[in-house]
């Protein structure tokens, strides 16, 4: 068995102690191992989905982290073809939540999500996939006499 050492805040240590008491754990190692297993299972991004998809990428980040806002903005711009919309919410003085609606090839969406979630300063992140078939349809907007044609993804 390998031994690892981690540092946690006093608040986290108190929360862990309360969890241990409520779930009847005898020691921290067992509690942390079980929580880590759950966290690893939850953090795994589904690799079984392939082809077209729509997805939501949700993540919380500390906006004070040096250059993080720029790195996130750059990542979103580099993947503008997959991004449909983004919502930004200020949670408190330090933390923001962003939810991005994505669409396109599942492998590319998955890699973009991994890139964002792994950024230093992103504290929580998850992606949820919905497999779909995306067709592109061209149609006229407005009255036929003055309308204009646009191509739109059709799900």
Protein backbone atom coordinates (compact mmCIF):
# COMPACT_ATOMS: atom_id res chain seq x y z
CA UNK A 1 0.00 0.00 0.00
CA UNK A 2 1.28 3.47 -0.88
CA UNK A 3 1.12 6.35 1.59
CA UNK A 4 0.26 9.85 0.37
CA UNK A 5 0.08 13.10 2.30
CA UNK A 6 -2.37 15.89 1.55
CA UNK A 7 -2.96 19.28 3.13
CA UNK A 8 -6.51 20.53 3.67
CA UNK A 9 -8.05 23.65 5.13
CA UNK A 10 -9.42 23.63 8.68
CA UNK A 11 -12.93 23.89 7.24
CA UNK A 12 -12.39 20.85 5.03
CA UNK A 13 -10.95 18.87 7.94
CA UNK A 14 -14.03 19.71 10.03
CA UNK A 15 -16.32 18.70 7.17
CA UNK A 16 -14.43 15.41 6.80
CA UNK A 17 -14.69 14.75 10.56
CA UNK A 18 -18.46 15.38 10.44
CA UNK A 19 -18.78 13.03 7.45
CA UNK A 20 -16.79 10.35 9.27
CA UNK A 21 -19.02 10.61 12.33
CA UNK A 22 -22.27 10.56 10.38
CA UNK A 23 -21.16 7.59 8.23
CA UNK A 24 -19.47 5.77 11.15
CA UNK A 25 -15.93 5.63 9.75
CA UNK A 26 -13.27 4.58 12.26
CA UNK A 27 -10.39 6.34 10.53
CA UNK A 28 -9.66 9.07 8.00
CA UNK A 29 -7.86 6.79 5.56
CA UNK A 30 -10.95 4.65 4.96
CA UNK A 31 -13.18 7.69 4.61
CA UNK A 32 -10.82 9.46 2.20
CA UNK A 33 -10.31 6.28 0.13
CA UNK A 34 -14.08 5.82 -0.26
CA UNK A 35 -14.61 9.48 -1.11
CA UNK A 36 -11.73 9.38 -3.59
CA UNK A 37 -13.22 6.29 -5.30
CA UNK A 38 -16.56 8.07 -5.61
CA UNK A 39 -14.88 11.21 -6.88
CA UNK A 40 -12.81 9.31 -9.45
CA UNK A 41 -15.88 7.48 -10.70
CA UNK A 42 -17.84 10.72 -11.00
CA UNK A 43 -14.94 12.57 -12.62
CA UNK A 44 -14.48 10.03 -15.42
CA UNK A 45 -15.74 11.49 -18.65
CA UNK A 46 -17.88 9.05 -20.63
CA UNK A 47 -15.75 7.72 -23.49
CA UNK A 48 -18.48 5.49 -24.91
CA UNK A 49 -20.33 8.32 -26.66
CA UNK A 50 -19.15 8.87 -30.21
CA UNK A 51 -20.44 10.76 -33.22
CA UNK A 52 -22.53 13.90 -32.90
CA UNK A 53 -23.62 15.17 -29.51
CA UNK A 54 -24.85 18.11 -27.56
CA UNK A 55 -23.32 18.58 -24.13
CA UNK A 56 -23.23 20.87 -21.14
CA UNK A 57 -19.90 21.73 -19.58
CA UNK A 58 -20.27 23.15 -16.06
CA UNK A 59 -17.34 24.35 -14.01
CA UNK A 60 -16.51 26.55 -11.03
CA UNK A 61 -13.32 28.55 -11.00
CA UNK A 62 -11.50 31.10 -8.88
CA UNK A 63 -11.35 34.23 -11.00
CA UNK A 64 -8.33 35.49 -9.02
CA UNK A 65 -6.16 32.66 -10.36
CA UNK A 66 -3.45 34.29 -12.43
CA UNK A 67 -4.24 34.37 -16.17
CA UNK A 68 -7.08 31.83 -15.76
CA UNK A 69 -9.78 34.04 -17.27
CA UNK A 70 -7.56 34.63 -20.30
CA UNK A 71 -6.75 30.92 -20.67
CA UNK A 72 -10.44 29.98 -20.43
CA UNK A 73 -11.43 32.67 -22.94
CA UNK A 74 -8.72 31.50 -25.32
CA UNK A 75 -9.87 27.87 -24.99
CA UNK A 76 -13.47 28.86 -25.75
CA UNK A 77 -12.37 30.89 -28.79
CA UNK A 78 -10.26 28.00 -30.08
CA UNK A 79 -13.40 25.82 -29.95
CA UNK A 80 -15.94 28.39 -31.17
CA UNK A 81 -17.33 25.90 -33.70
CA UNK A 82 -18.46 23.62 -30.84
CA UNK A 83 -19.83 26.30 -28.55
CA UNK A 84 -23.49 27.27 -28.74
CA UNK A 85 -23.82 29.47 -25.64
CA UNK A 86 -22.16 30.22 -22.32
CA UNK A 87 -23.65 31.50 -19.08
CA UNK A 88 -21.41 33.12 -16.45
CA UNK A 89 -22.55 33.47 -12.82
CA UNK A 90 -20.69 35.20 -9.97
CA UNK A 91 -21.05 32.90 -6.94
CA UNK A 92 -19.11 34.91 -4.37
CA UNK A 93 -16.11 37.24 -4.13
CA UNK A 94 -13.73 34.61 -5.55
CA UNK A 95 -15.76 32.00 -7.43
CA UNK A 96 -17.60 31.97 -10.73
CA UNK A 97 -19.71 29.30 -12.38
CA UNK A 98 -19.77 28.88 -16.14
CA UNK A 99 -22.09 26.62 -18.06
CA UNK A 100 -21.29 26.11 -21.74
CA UNK A 101 -23.66 24.41 -24.16
CA UNK A 102 -21.60 22.56 -26.75
CA UNK A 103 -22.37 20.57 -29.89
CA UNK A 104 -20.41 18.64 -32.45
CA UNK A 105 -18.23 15.57 -32.55
CA UNK A 106 -18.23 13.91 -29.13
CA UNK A 107 -14.47 13.25 -29.16
CA UNK A 108 -13.71 16.93 -29.80
CA UNK A 109 -16.25 18.09 -27.20
CA UNK A 110 -14.75 15.62 -24.69
CA UNK A 111 -11.20 16.89 -25.27
CA UNK A 112 -12.33 20.52 -24.91
CA UNK A 113 -14.10 19.65 -21.63
CA UNK A 114 -10.99 17.90 -20.30
CA UNK A 115 -8.86 20.91 -21.20
CA UNK A 116 -11.14 23.30 -19.30
CA UNK A 117 -11.67 21.07 -16.25
CA UNK A 118 -7.91 20.46 -15.87
CA UNK A 119 -7.01 24.18 -15.81
CA UNK A 120 -5.31 25.37 -12.63
CA UNK A 121 -7.93 27.36 -10.71
CA UNK A 122 -10.92 25.35 -11.95
CA UNK A 123 -12.15 23.77 -8.72
CA UNK A 124 -15.10 21.69 -9.94
CA UNK A 125 -16.12 20.58 -13.40
CA UNK A 126 -18.27 18.07 -15.20
CA UNK A 127 -19.60 17.43 -18.65
CA UNK A 128 -22.87 15.78 -19.57
CA UNK A 129 -23.39 14.34 -23.06
CA UNK A 130 -26.57 13.78 -25.06
CA UNK A 131 -25.97 11.75 -28.23
CA UNK A 132 -27.88 13.19 -31.20
CA UNK A 133 -27.87 13.23 -34.96
CA UNK A 134 -27.04 16.70 -36.27
CA UNK A 135 -28.10 17.52 -39.84
CA UNK A 136 -27.61 20.88 -41.48
CA UNK A 137 -30.73 22.32 -43.09
CA UNK A 138 -30.94 25.47 -45.18
CA UNK A 139 -34.15 27.46 -45.10
CA UNK A 140 -35.45 30.98 -45.67
CA UNK A 141 -36.01 33.43 -42.81
CA UNK A 142 -38.70 36.11 -43.16
CA UNK A 143 -41.06 36.62 -46.06
CA UNK A 144 -40.01 34.73 -49.18
CA UNK A 145 -39.69 37.95 -51.17
CA UNK A 146 -37.28 39.66 -48.77
CA UNK A 147 -35.99 36.73 -46.69
CA UNK A 148 -32.49 35.36 -46.67
CA UNK A 149 -31.21 31.79 -46.52
CA UNK A 150 -29.26 30.42 -43.58
CA UNK A 151 -27.82 27.01 -42.80
CA UNK A 152 -28.70 25.78 -39.30
CA UNK A 153 -27.91 22.56 -37.51
CA UNK A 154 -31.04 20.46 -37.29
CA UNK A 155 -31.21 18.02 -34.42
